Amino acid sequence: MNLNGTAAIVSGGASGLGEATVRDLSSAGCKVVVADLNEQRGTELAKEVGGEFVKTDVADEQSVAAAVATAESLGAPLRVIVSCAGIGWASRTVGRDGTPHDLGAFSKVIDVNLIGTFNLMRIGAAAVAKTEPADADGLRGVVINMVVIGVMAGIAVTLLGLPSPVLLGIFAGILEAIPIFGPFIGAAPAVLLGFTVGPLYALLVAGVFLVIQQVESNTLVPVVMNRVVALPPLAVVLALLVGGALQGVAGALLAVPVAAALQVLIVRVVVPTIHRVQGRTEQADREMRVREVAARSSQPLWKRLRVLPRRR
């Protein structure tokens, strides 16, 4: 997507990964709304990049709606929603003095990292959906959840009582960009810290990270790739497996783009060529598909589902 002349909103944009995202989007020609609670730093950054700052609590519906409304009013179509807001800190489930984990602190992490991410995603996506398509394929915008794996890992580490959950979560999230080996490298520091408690605890940490990666790999990635490049989830999984087996990390990185290119080549070049050789025209194919759909819809339901045997 060409980002020049579009609007974007970045939560947690006043510092860290969010600030880097704001600068990168601005350099690409975006008008960026910096949505953050840090008013001083957020205002300075917005002024520096020529954007707008909105003091935003991502867990509050009205606050996020106001930030998105500001992005819509920038005079450019809102195309990009980036969620970088996240918090976390280390605390034992039961302290050394026997006191239980502070429920308020845990609720705050859930509110910001989980509910806040979804809150911005849903309100921002609704605003993007109102804009005119950016191209002939109906593309309107991109919702990027920079903190999905990082937040899940950070919350898991916090619940397990390991130190520095924010750093461990950020590390796991960044390493997620590396196919195949990235998730293992991202989980390594947490597993090593688990060994300081005991071997069984390290196995527990490894098991938790394995569950997170399985959910991400088998659910999020295929679904997202299907939405972005129109590849079936099974094709995405097979492409990653084949690419990784043939060329390792480089092959896995190129697997989905190559598979998408092959799909376009087959659908738009190979299939039309075969049809022309067979003497079939595009109009004839369209009419044939219409007749097939009409014929199926006129049949009884049991015949369309093919549940009952045909009568002889």
C-alpha atoms as a PDB file:
ATOM      1  CA  MET A   1       0.000   0.000   0.000  1.00  0.00           C
ATOM      2  CA  ASN A   2       1.183   3.517  -0.806  1.00  0.00           C
ATOM      3  CA  LEU A   3       1.203   5.315   2.550  1.00  0.00           C
ATOM      4  CA  ASN A   4       1.926   8.774   1.163  1.00  0.00           C
ATOM      5  CA  GLY A   5      -1.029  11.077   1.793  1.00  0.00           C
ATOM      6  CA  THR A   6      -2.767   8.756   4.260  1.00  0.00           C
ATOM      7  CA  ALA A   7      -3.497   9.009   7.985  1.00  0.00           C
ATOM      8  CA  ALA A   8      -2.364   6.643  10.728  1.00  0.00           C
ATOM      9  CA  ILE A   9      -2.832   6.236  14.464  1.00  0.00           C
ATOM     10  CA  VAL A  10      -0.256   4.652  16.782  1.00  0.00           C
ATOM     11  CA  SER A  11      -1.096   3.806  20.382  1.00  0.00           C
ATOM     12  CA  GLY A  12       1.819   3.929  22.795  1.00  0.00           C
ATOM     13  CA  GLY A  13       3.437   6.161  20.194  1.00  0.00           C
ATOM     14  CA  ALA A  14       5.308   8.500  22.531  1.00  0.00           C
ATOM     15  CA  SER A  15       8.213   6.155  23.257  1.00  0.00           C
ATOM     16  CA  GLY A  16       9.973   2.926  22.383  1.00  0.00           C
ATOM     17  CA  LEU A  17       8.608   0.797  19.561  1.00  0.00           C
ATOM     18  CA  GLY A  18       5.642   3.135  19.166  1.00  0.00           C
ATOM     19  CA  GLU A  19       7.872   6.177  18.669  1.00  0.00           C
ATOM     20  CA  ALA A  20       9.942   4.329  16.058  1.00  0.00           C
ATOM     21  CA  THR A  21       6.720   3.377  14.259  1.00  0.00           C
ATOM     22  CA  VAL A  22       5.503   6.988  14.303  1.00  0.00           C
ATOM     23  CA  ARG A  23       8.765   8.211  12.782  1.00  0.00           C
ATOM     24  CA  ASP A  24       8.762   5.495  10.123  1.00  0.00           C
ATOM     25  CA  LEU A  25       5.159   6.181   9.085  1.00  0.00           C
ATOM     26  CA  SER A  26       5.801   9.912   9.004  1.00  0.00           C
ATOM     27  CA  SER A  27       8.837   9.447   6.766  1.00  0.00           C
ATOM     28  CA  ALA A  28       6.601   7.446   4.401  1.00  0.00           C
ATOM     29  CA  GLY A  29       4.252  10.417   4.052  1.00  0.00           C
ATOM     30  CA  CYS A  30       1.635   9.578   6.688  1.00  0.00           C
ATOM     31  CA  LYS A  31      -0.108  12.092   8.913  1.00  0.00           C
ATOM     32  CA  VAL A  32       0.232  10.345  12.266  1.00  0.00           C
ATOM     33  CA  VAL A  33      -1.822  10.628  15.443  1.00  0.00           C
ATOM     34  CA  VAL A  34       0.321   9.849  18.502  1.00  0.00           C
ATOM     35  CA  ALA A  35      -2.059   8.243  21.009  1.00  0.00           C
ATOM     36  CA  ASP A  36      -0.427   8.008  24.435  1.00  0.00           C
ATOM     37  CA  LEU A  37      -0.797   8.974  28.087  1.00  0.00           C
ATOM     38  CA  ASN A  38       2.607  10.708  28.148  1.00  0.00           C
ATOM     39  CA  GLU A  39       1.388  14.165  27.210  1.00  0.00           C
ATOM     40  CA  GLN A  40       4.731  15.976  27.271  1.00  0.00           C
ATOM     41  CA  ARG A  41       6.699  13.488  25.186  1.00  0.00           C
ATOM     42  CA  GLY A  42       3.751  12.768  22.888  1.00  0.00           C
ATOM     43  CA  THR A  43       3.214  16.462  22.115  1.00  0.00           C
ATOM     44  CA  GLU A  44       6.925  16.973  21.374  1.00  0.00           C
ATOM     45  CA  LEU A  45       7.048  13.979  19.039  1.00  0.00           C
ATOM     46  CA  ALA A  46       3.844  14.958  17.217  1.00  0.00           C
ATOM     47  CA  LYS A  47       5.180  18.472  16.659  1.00  0.00           C
ATOM     48  CA  GLU A  48       8.486  17.076  15.427  1.00  0.00           C
ATOM     49  CA  VAL A  49       6.909  14.797  12.783  1.00  0.00           C
ATOM     50  CA  GLY A  50       4.070  17.135  11.852  1.00  0.00           C
ATOM     51  CA  GLY A  51       1.356  14.973  13.384  1.00  0.00           C
ATOM     52  CA  GLU A  52      -1.198  15.294  16.169  1.00  0.00           C
ATOM     53  CA  PHE A  53      -1.085  14.167  19.793  1.00  0.00           C
ATOM     54  CA  VAL A  54      -4.155  12.863  21.629  1.00  0.00           C
ATOM     55  CA  LYS A  55      -3.942  11.836  25.265  1.00  0.00           C
ATOM     56  CA  THR A  56      -5.375   8.324  25.106  1.00  0.00           C
ATOM     57  CA  ASP A  57      -6.209   5.558  27.540  1.00  0.00           C
ATOM     58  CA  VAL A  58      -6.500   2.530  25.245  1.00  0.00           C
ATOM     59  CA  ALA A  59      -8.686   0.701  27.769  1.00  0.00           C
ATOM     60  CA  ASP A  60     -11.289   3.489  27.667  1.00  0.00           C
ATOM     61  CA  GLU A  61     -13.768   3.395  24.781  1.00  0.00           C
ATOM     62  CA  GLN A  62     -14.440   7.137  24.652  1.00  0.00           C
ATOM     63  CA  SER A  63     -10.750   7.991  24.830  1.00  0.00           C
ATOM     64  CA  VAL A  64      -9.898   5.698  21.888  1.00  0.00           C
ATOM     65  CA  ALA A  65     -12.899   6.944  19.909  1.00  0.00           C
ATOM     66  CA  ALA A  66     -11.665  10.529  20.346  1.00  0.00           C
ATOM     67  CA  ALA A  67      -8.167   9.585  19.113  1.00  0.00           C
ATOM     68  CA  VAL A  68      -9.589   7.791  16.065  1.00  0.00           C
ATOM     69  CA  ALA A  69     -11.873  10.767  15.343  1.00  0.00           C
ATOM     70  CA  THR A  70      -8.818  13.037  15.370  1.00  0.00           C
ATOM     71  CA  ALA A  71      -7.100  10.742  12.864  1.00  0.00           C
ATOM     72  CA  GLU A  72     -10.197  10.865  10.644  1.00  0.00           C
ATOM     73  CA  SER A  73     -10.155  14.681  10.718  1.00  0.00           C
ATOM     74  CA  LEU A  74      -6.602  15.070   9.390  1.00  0.00           C
ATOM     75  CA  GLY A  75      -7.792  15.539   5.822  1.00  0.00           C
ATOM     76  CA  ALA A  76      -6.389  12.208   4.632  1.00  0.00           C
ATOM     77  CA  PRO A  77      -7.963   8.725   4.553  1.00  0.00           C
ATOM     78  CA  LEU A  78      -7.251   6.689   7.680  1.00  0.00           C
ATOM     79  CA  ARG A  79      -5.408   3.588   6.476  1.00  0.00           C
ATOM     80  CA  VAL A  80      -3.128   2.362   9.260  1.00  0.00           C
ATOM     81  CA  ILE A  81      -3.877   1.360  12.856  1.00  0.00           C
ATOM     82  CA  VAL A  82      -0.869   0.314  14.950  1.00  0.00           C
ATOM     83  CA  SER A  83      -1.171  -0.940  18.525  1.00  0.00           C
ATOM     84  CA  CYS A  84       2.058  -0.499  20.482  1.00  0.00           C
ATOM     85  CA  ALA A  85       0.663   0.343  23.934  1.00  0.00           C
ATOM     86  CA  GLY A  86       1.677  -2.185  26.560  1.00  0.00           C
ATOM     87  CA  ILE A  87       2.751  -2.416  30.204  1.00  0.00           C
ATOM     88  CA  GLY A  88       3.961  -5.092  32.594  1.00  0.00           C
ATOM     89  CA  TRP A  89       6.050  -5.717  35.668  1.00  0.00           C
ATOM     90  CA  ALA A  90       7.384  -8.663  37.632  1.00  0.00           C
ATOM     91  CA  SER A  91       5.521  -9.880  40.695  1.00  0.00           C
ATOM     92  CA  ARG A  92       5.253 -13.268  42.362  1.00  0.00           C
ATOM     93  CA  THR A  93       1.887 -14.991  42.633  1.00  0.00           C
ATOM     94  CA  VAL A  94       2.641 -15.245  46.369  1.00  0.00           C
ATOM     95  CA  GLY A  95       5.231 -12.859  47.795  1.00  0.00           C
ATOM     96  CA  ARG A  96       8.076 -13.857  50.087  1.00  0.00           C
ATOM     97  CA  ASP A  97       6.082 -12.475  52.998  1.00  0.00           C
ATOM     98  CA  GLY A  98       3.072 -14.620  52.064  1.00  0.00           C
ATOM     99  CA  THR A  99       0.958 -11.835  50.537  1.00  0.00           C
ATOM    100  CA  PRO A 100      -0.917 -12.668  47.313  1.00  0.00           C
ATOM    101  CA  HIS A 101      -0.277 -10.969  43.982  1.00  0.00           C
ATOM    102  CA  ASP A 102      -1.941  -7.553  43.733  1.00  0.00           C
ATOM    103  CA  LEU A 103      -5.151  -8.106  41.764  1.00  0.00           C
ATOM    104  CA  GLY A 104      -5.341  -4.442  40.801  1.00  0.00           C
ATOM    105  CA  ALA A 105      -1.918  -4.574  39.141  1.00  0.00           C
ATOM    106  CA  PHE A 106      -2.850  -7.727  37.233  1.00  0.00           C
ATOM    107  CA  SER A 107      -6.154  -6.193  36.103  1.00  0.00           C
ATOM    108  CA  LYS A 108      -4.324  -3.088  34.883  1.00  0.00           C
ATOM    109  CA  VAL A 109      -2.007  -5.199  32.701  1.00  0.00           C
ATOM    110  CA  ILE A 110      -4.990  -7.050  31.218  1.00  0.00           C
ATOM    111  CA  ASP A 111      -6.868  -3.776  30.626  1.00  0.00           C
ATOM    112  CA  VAL A 112      -4.009  -2.162  28.720  1.00  0.00           C
ATOM    113  CA  ASN A 113      -2.381  -5.096  26.939  1.00  0.00           C
ATOM    114  CA  LEU A 114      -5.420  -7.196  26.064  1.00  0.00           C
ATOM    115  CA  ILE A 115      -8.573  -5.075  26.205  1.00  0.00           C
ATOM    116  CA  GLY A 116      -6.755  -1.942  25.049  1.00  0.00           C
ATOM    117  CA  THR A 117      -5.314  -3.671  21.983  1.00  0.00           C
ATOM    118  CA  PHE A 118      -8.710  -5.020  20.946  1.00  0.00           C
ATOM    119  CA  ASN A 119     -10.399  -1.709  21.756  1.00  0.00           C
ATOM    120  CA  LEU A 120      -8.174   0.232  19.347  1.00  0.00           C
ATOM    121  CA  MET A 121      -8.381  -2.532  16.755  1.00  0.00           C
ATOM    122  CA  ARG A 122     -12.189  -2.611  16.640  1.00  0.00           C
ATOM    123  CA  ILE A 123     -12.774   1.169  16.698  1.00  0.00           C
ATOM    124  CA  GLY A 124      -9.932   1.847  14.269  1.00  0.00           C
ATOM    125  CA  ALA A 125     -11.010  -0.893  11.867  1.00  0.00           C
ATOM    126  CA  ALA A 126     -14.560   0.471  11.843  1.00  0.00           C
ATOM    127  CA  ALA A 127     -13.216   3.893  10.852  1.00  0.00           C
ATOM    128  CA  VAL A 128     -10.976   2.432   8.142  1.00  0.00           C
ATOM    129  CA  ALA A 129     -13.930   0.491   6.724  1.00  0.00           C
ATOM    130  CA  LYS A 130     -15.746   3.776   6.044  1.00  0.00           C
ATOM    131  CA  THR A 131     -13.034   5.044   3.684  1.00  0.00           C
ATOM    132  CA  GLU A 132     -12.983   4.548  -0.056  1.00  0.00           C
ATOM    133  CA  PRO A 133     -10.924   1.586  -1.339  1.00  0.00           C
ATOM    134  CA  ALA A 134      -7.269   2.409  -1.953  1.00  0.00           C
ATOM    135  CA  ASP A 135      -7.037   0.246  -5.088  1.00  0.00           C
ATOM    136  CA  ALA A 136      -9.005  -1.920  -7.490  1.00  0.00           C
ATOM    137  CA  ASP A 137      -8.855  -4.888  -5.114  1.00  0.00           C
ATOM    138  CA  GLY A 138     -10.810  -3.035  -2.444  1.00  0.00           C
ATOM    139  CA  LEU A 139      -7.870  -2.580  -0.080  1.00  0.00           C
ATOM    140  CA  ARG A 140      -8.669   0.028   2.565  1.00  0.00           C
ATOM    141  CA  GLY A 141      -6.102  -0.292   5.322  1.00  0.00           C
ATOM    142  CA  VAL A 142      -4.009  -2.392   7.638  1.00  0.00           C
ATOM    143  CA  VAL A 143      -4.437  -3.151  11.327  1.00  0.00           C
ATOM    144  CA  ILE A 144      -1.081  -4.131  12.824  1.00  0.00           C
ATOM    145  CA  ASN A 145      -1.005  -5.668  16.278  1.00  0.00           C
ATOM    146  CA  MET A 146       2.622  -5.186  17.134  1.00  0.00           C
ATOM    147  CA  VAL A 147       2.100  -6.563  20.608  1.00  0.00           C
ATOM    148  CA  VAL A 148       0.162  -9.812  20.094  1.00  0.00           C
ATOM    149  CA  ILE A 149       2.953 -12.266  20.823  1.00  0.00           C
ATOM    150  CA  GLY A 150       4.839  -9.812  23.035  1.00  0.00           C
ATOM    151  CA  VAL A 151       1.802  -9.187  25.227  1.00  0.00           C
ATOM    152  CA  MET A 152       0.910 -12.866  25.484  1.00  0.00           C
ATOM    153  CA  ALA A 153       4.496 -13.717  26.419  1.00  0.00           C
ATOM    154  CA  GLY A 154       4.690 -10.793  28.860  1.00  0.00           C
ATOM    155  CA  ILE A 155       1.476 -11.794  30.616  1.00  0.00           C
ATOM    156  CA  ALA A 156       2.599 -15.419  30.788  1.00  0.00           C
ATOM    157  CA  VAL A 157       5.959 -14.438  32.253  1.00  0.00           C
ATOM    158  CA  THR A 158       4.256 -12.156  34.775  1.00  0.00           C
ATOM    159  CA  LEU A 159       1.944 -14.952  35.920  1.00  0.00           C
ATOM    160  CA  LEU A 160       4.904 -17.318  36.183  1.00  0.00           C
ATOM    161  CA  GLY A 161       6.657 -14.827  38.454  1.00  0.00           C
ATOM    162  CA  LEU A 162       9.778 -14.348  36.335  1.00  0.00           C
ATOM    163  CA  PRO A 163      11.685 -11.030  36.452  1.00  0.00           C
ATOM    164  CA  SER A 164      11.603  -8.392  33.676  1.00  0.00           C
ATOM    165  CA  PRO A 165       8.365  -9.493  31.946  1.00  0.00           C
ATOM    166  CA  VAL A 166       8.300  -6.358  29.776  1.00  0.00           C
ATOM    167  CA  LEU A 167      11.761  -7.029  28.338  1.00  0.00           C
ATOM    168  CA  LEU A 168      11.021 -10.725  27.875  1.00  0.00           C
ATOM    169  CA  GLY A 169       7.739  -9.919  26.120  1.00  0.00           C
ATOM    170  CA  ILE A 170       9.354  -7.352  23.800  1.00  0.00           C
ATOM    171  CA  PHE A 171      12.175  -9.771  23.005  1.00  0.00           C
ATOM    172  CA  ALA A 172       9.722 -12.582  22.168  1.00  0.00           C
ATOM    173  CA  GLY A 173       7.613 -10.250  20.030  1.00  0.00           C
ATOM    174  CA  ILE A 174      10.576  -8.935  18.016  1.00  0.00           C
ATOM    175  CA  LEU A 175      12.041 -12.409  17.445  1.00  0.00           C
ATOM    176  CA  GLU A 176       8.650 -13.573  16.148  1.00  0.00           C
ATOM    177  CA  ALA A 177       9.574 -11.850  12.875  1.00  0.00           C
ATOM    178  CA  ILE A 178      12.163 -14.601  12.261  1.00  0.00           C
ATOM    179  CA  PRO A 179      10.422 -17.717  10.910  1.00  0.00           C
ATOM    180  CA  ILE A 180      11.062 -21.182  12.384  1.00  0.00           C
ATOM    181  CA  PHE A 181      13.956 -20.272  14.705  1.00  0.00           C
ATOM    182  CA  GLY A 182      12.659 -16.915  15.968  1.00  0.00           C
ATOM    183  CA  PRO A 183      10.078 -18.291  18.438  1.00  0.00           C
ATOM    184  CA  PHE A 184      12.668 -20.631  19.998  1.00  0.00           C
ATOM    185  CA  ILE A 185      15.229 -17.853  20.385  1.00  0.00           C
ATOM    186  CA  GLY A 186      12.524 -15.545  21.789  1.00  0.00           C
ATOM    187  CA  ALA A 187      11.571 -18.097  24.449  1.00  0.00           C
ATOM    188  CA  ALA A 188      15.183 -18.933  25.420  1.00  0.00           C
ATOM    189  CA  PRO A 189      15.743 -16.118  27.988  1.00  0.00           C
ATOM    190  CA  ALA A 190      12.527 -16.973  29.854  1.00  0.00           C
ATOM    191  CA  VAL A 191      13.388 -20.681  29.898  1.00  0.00           C
ATOM    192  CA  LEU A 192      16.903 -19.931  31.169  1.00  0.00           C
ATOM    193  CA  LEU A 193      15.448 -17.786  33.954  1.00  0.00           C
ATOM    194  CA  GLY A 194      13.133 -20.692  34.773  1.00  0.00           C
ATOM    195  CA  PHE A 195      16.190 -22.839  35.464  1.00  0.00           C
ATOM    196  CA  THR A 196      17.090 -20.449  38.296  1.00  0.00           C
ATOM    197  CA  VAL A 197      13.971 -21.719  40.036  1.00  0.00           C
ATOM    198  CA  GLY A 198      14.303 -25.352  39.041  1.00  0.00           C
ATOM    199  CA  PRO A 199      14.375 -27.760  36.070  1.00  0.00           C
ATOM    200  CA  LEU A 200      10.663 -28.500  36.296  1.00  0.00           C
ATOM    201  CA  TYR A 201       9.880 -24.789  36.345  1.00  0.00           C
ATOM    202  CA  ALA A 202      11.945 -24.308  33.187  1.00  0.00           C
ATOM    203  CA  LEU A 203       9.896 -27.059  31.517  1.00  0.00           C
ATOM    204  CA  LEU A 204       6.713 -25.264  32.611  1.00  0.00           C
ATOM    205  CA  VAL A 205       7.939 -22.000  31.057  1.00  0.00           C
ATOM    206  CA  ALA A 206       8.880 -23.814  27.839  1.00  0.00           C
ATOM    207  CA  GLY A 207       5.444 -25.444  27.744  1.00  0.00           C
ATOM    208  CA  VAL A 208       3.665 -22.108  28.129  1.00  0.00           C
ATOM    209  CA  PHE A 209       5.692 -20.547  25.309  1.00  0.00           C
ATOM    210  CA  LEU A 210       5.019 -23.603  23.145  1.00  0.00           C
ATOM    211  CA  VAL A 211       1.268 -23.166  23.634  1.00  0.00           C
ATOM    212  CA  ILE A 212       1.525 -19.465  22.712  1.00  0.00           C
ATOM    213  CA  GLN A 213       3.480 -20.271  19.558  1.00  0.00           C
ATOM    214  CA  GLN A 214       1.111 -23.045  18.531  1.00  0.00           C
ATOM    215  CA  VAL A 215      -1.885 -20.741  18.854  1.00  0.00           C
ATOM    216  CA  GLU A 216      -0.075 -18.054  16.856  1.00  0.00           C
ATOM    217  CA  SER A 217       1.295 -20.373  14.166  1.00  0.00           C
ATOM    218  CA  ASN A 218      -1.798 -22.505  13.622  1.00  0.00           C
ATOM    219  CA  THR A 219      -4.482 -19.862  14.088  1.00  0.00           C
ATOM    220  CA  LEU A 220      -3.328 -16.262  13.713  1.00  0.00           C
ATOM    221  CA  VAL A 221      -0.777 -16.594  10.894  1.00  0.00           C
ATOM    222  CA  PRO A 222      -2.910 -18.687   8.484  1.00  0.00           C
ATOM    223  CA  VAL A 223      -5.988 -16.539   9.052  1.00  0.00           C
ATOM    224  CA  VAL A 224      -4.101 -13.251   8.651  1.00  0.00           C
ATOM    225  CA  MET A 225      -2.250 -14.468   5.561  1.00  0.00           C
ATOM    226  CA  ASN A 226      -5.529 -15.636   4.071  1.00  0.00           C
ATOM    227  CA  ARG A 227      -6.989 -12.180   4.578  1.00  0.00           C
ATOM    228  CA  VAL A 228      -3.929 -10.310   3.303  1.00  0.00           C
ATOM    229  CA  VAL A 229      -2.763 -12.384   0.340  1.00  0.00           C
ATOM    230  CA  ALA A 230      -5.902 -14.515  -0.240  1.00  0.00           C
ATOM    231  CA  LEU A 231      -3.997 -17.757   0.281  1.00  0.00           C
ATOM    232  CA  PRO A 232      -5.888 -20.614   1.970  1.00  0.00           C
ATOM    233  CA  PRO A 233      -4.559 -21.339   5.492  1.00  0.00           C
ATOM    234  CA  LEU A 234      -3.392 -24.819   4.439  1.00  0.00           C
ATOM    235  CA  ALA A 235      -1.441 -23.310   1.539  1.00  0.00           C
ATOM    236  CA  VAL A 236       0.280 -20.896   3.944  1.00  0.00           C
ATOM    237  CA  VAL A 237       1.312 -23.729   6.281  1.00  0.00           C
ATOM    238  CA  LEU A 238       2.553 -25.887   3.386  1.00  0.00           C
ATOM    239  CA  ALA A 239       4.455 -22.958   1.852  1.00  0.00           C
ATOM    240  CA  LEU A 240       6.236 -22.284   5.156  1.00  0.00           C
ATOM    241  CA  LEU A 241       7.107 -25.950   5.604  1.00  0.00           C
ATOM    242  CA  VAL A 242       8.426 -26.364   2.051  1.00  0.00           C
ATOM    243  CA  GLY A 243      10.330 -23.062   2.086  1.00  0.00           C
ATOM    244  CA  GLY A 244      11.908 -23.831   5.446  1.00  0.00           C
ATOM    245  CA  ALA A 245      12.865 -27.355   4.375  1.00  0.00           C
ATOM    246  CA  LEU A 246      14.473 -26.173   1.122  1.00  0.00           C
ATOM    247  CA  GLN A 247      16.259 -22.978   2.173  1.00  0.00           C
ATOM    248  CA  GLY A 248      15.933 -22.688   5.940  1.00  0.00           C
ATOM    249  CA  VAL A 249      15.193 -19.219   7.339  1.00  0.00           C
ATOM    250  CA  ALA A 250      15.524 -17.492   3.956  1.00  0.00           C
ATOM    251  CA  GLY A 251      13.138 -19.990   2.387  1.00  0.00           C
ATOM    252  CA  ALA A 252      10.562 -19.501   5.127  1.00  0.00           C
ATOM    253  CA  LEU A 253      10.787 -15.713   4.754  1.00  0.00           C
ATOM    254  CA  LEU A 254      10.141 -15.955   1.004  1.00  0.00           C
ATOM    255  CA  ALA A 255       7.641 -18.834   1.132  1.00  0.00           C
ATOM    256  CA  VAL A 256       4.386 -16.896   1.419  1.00  0.00           C
ATOM    257  CA  PRO A 257       5.290 -14.147  -1.112  1.00  0.00           C
ATOM    258  CA  VAL A 258       6.390 -16.787  -3.625  1.00  0.00           C
ATOM    259  CA  ALA A 259       3.229 -18.827  -3.046  1.00  0.00           C
ATOM    260  CA  ALA A 260       1.100 -15.703  -3.500  1.00  0.00           C
ATOM    261  CA  ALA A 261       2.956 -14.830  -6.720  1.00  0.00           C
ATOM    262  CA  LEU A 262       2.440 -18.358  -8.047  1.00  0.00           C
ATOM    263  CA  GLN A 263      -1.252 -18.141  -7.223  1.00  0.00           C
ATOM    264  CA  VAL A 264      -1.570 -14.878  -9.155  1.00  0.00           C
ATOM    265  CA  LEU A 265       0.402 -16.373 -12.066  1.00  0.00           C
ATOM    266  CA  ILE A 266      -1.827 -19.442 -12.216  1.00  0.00           C
ATOM    267  CA  VAL A 267      -5.126 -17.589 -11.811  1.00  0.00           C
ATOM    268  CA  ARG A 268      -4.391 -14.669 -14.122  1.00  0.00           C
ATOM    269  CA  VAL A 269      -2.062 -16.209 -16.733  1.00  0.00           C
ATOM    270  CA  VAL A 270      -2.100 -20.009 -16.827  1.00  0.00           C
ATOM    271  CA  VAL A 271      -5.846 -20.574 -16.433  1.00  0.00           C
ATOM    272  CA  PRO A 272      -6.873 -17.895 -19.004  1.00  0.00           C
ATOM    273  CA  THR A 273      -4.312 -19.329 -21.448  1.00  0.00           C
ATOM    274  CA  ILE A 274      -5.775 -22.828 -21.092  1.00  0.00           C
ATOM    275  CA  HIS A 275      -9.251 -21.424 -21.612  1.00  0.00           C
ATOM    276  CA  ARG A 276      -8.171 -19.629 -24.778  1.00  0.00           C
ATOM    277  CA  VAL A 277      -6.594 -22.831 -26.132  1.00  0.00           C
ATOM    278  CA  GLN A 278      -9.863 -24.652 -25.420  1.00  0.00           C
ATOM    279  CA  GLY A 279     -11.812 -21.895 -27.163  1.00  0.00           C
ATOM    280  CA  ARG A 280     -13.527 -20.743 -23.981  1.00  0.00           C
ATOM    281  CA  THR A 281     -14.064 -17.034 -23.389  1.00  0.00           C
ATOM    282  CA  GLU A 282     -14.276 -15.183 -20.085  1.00  0.00           C
ATOM    283  CA  GLN A 283     -17.895 -14.275 -20.781  1.00  0.00           C
ATOM    284  CA  ALA A 284     -18.735 -17.928 -21.458  1.00  0.00           C
ATOM    285  CA  ASP A 285     -17.057 -18.985 -18.191  1.00  0.00           C
ATOM    286  CA  ARG A 286     -18.998 -16.361 -16.281  1.00  0.00           C
ATOM    287  CA  GLU A 287     -22.292 -17.464 -17.793  1.00  0.00           C
ATOM    288  CA  MET A 288     -21.470 -21.109 -17.046  1.00  0.00           C
ATOM    289  CA  ARG A 289     -20.771 -20.301 -13.372  1.00  0.00           C
ATOM    290  CA  VAL A 290     -24.050 -18.384 -13.143  1.00  0.00           C
ATOM    291  CA  ARG A 291     -25.942 -21.354 -14.587  1.00  0.00           C
ATOM    292  CA  GLU A 292     -24.233 -23.749 -12.163  1.00  0.00           C
ATOM    293  CA  VAL A 293     -25.118 -21.582  -9.157  1.00  0.00           C
ATOM    294  CA  ALA A 294     -28.719 -21.251 -10.362  1.00  0.00           C
ATOM    295  CA  ALA A 295     -28.985 -24.997 -10.905  1.00  0.00           C
ATOM    296  CA  ARG A 296     -27.666 -25.791  -7.437  1.00  0.00           C
ATOM    297  CA  SER A 297     -29.950 -23.274  -5.761  1.00  0.00           C
ATOM    298  CA  SER A 298     -32.990 -24.783  -7.499  1.00  0.00           C
ATOM    299  CA  GLN A 299     -32.242 -28.269  -6.166  1.00  0.00           C
ATOM    300  CA  PRO A 300     -33.707 -29.578  -2.885  1.00  0.00           C
ATOM    301  CA  LEU A 301     -31.521 -28.967   0.151  1.00  0.00           C
ATOM    302  CA  TRP A 302     -30.745 -32.662   0.657  1.00  0.00           C
ATOM    303  CA  LYS A 303     -29.412 -32.911  -2.888  1.00  0.00           C
ATOM    304  CA  ARG A 304     -27.206 -29.829  -2.448  1.00  0.00           C
ATOM    305  CA  LEU A 305     -25.780 -31.212   0.771  1.00  0.00           C
ATOM    306  CA  ARG A 306     -25.530 -34.745  -0.687  1.00  0.00           C
ATOM    307  CA  VAL A 307     -26.480 -36.227   2.684  1.00  0.00           C
ATOM    308  CA  LEU A 308     -29.203 -38.649   1.524  1.00  0.00           C
ATOM    309  CA  PRO A 309     -28.684 -41.212  -1.229  1.00  0.00           C
ATOM    310  CA  ARG A 310     -30.286 -40.615  -4.570  1.00  0.00           C
ATOM    311  CA  ARG A 311     -33.460 -42.479  -5.396  1.00  0.00           C
ATOM    312  CA  ARG A 312     -33.122 -45.159  -8.018  1.00  0.00           C
END
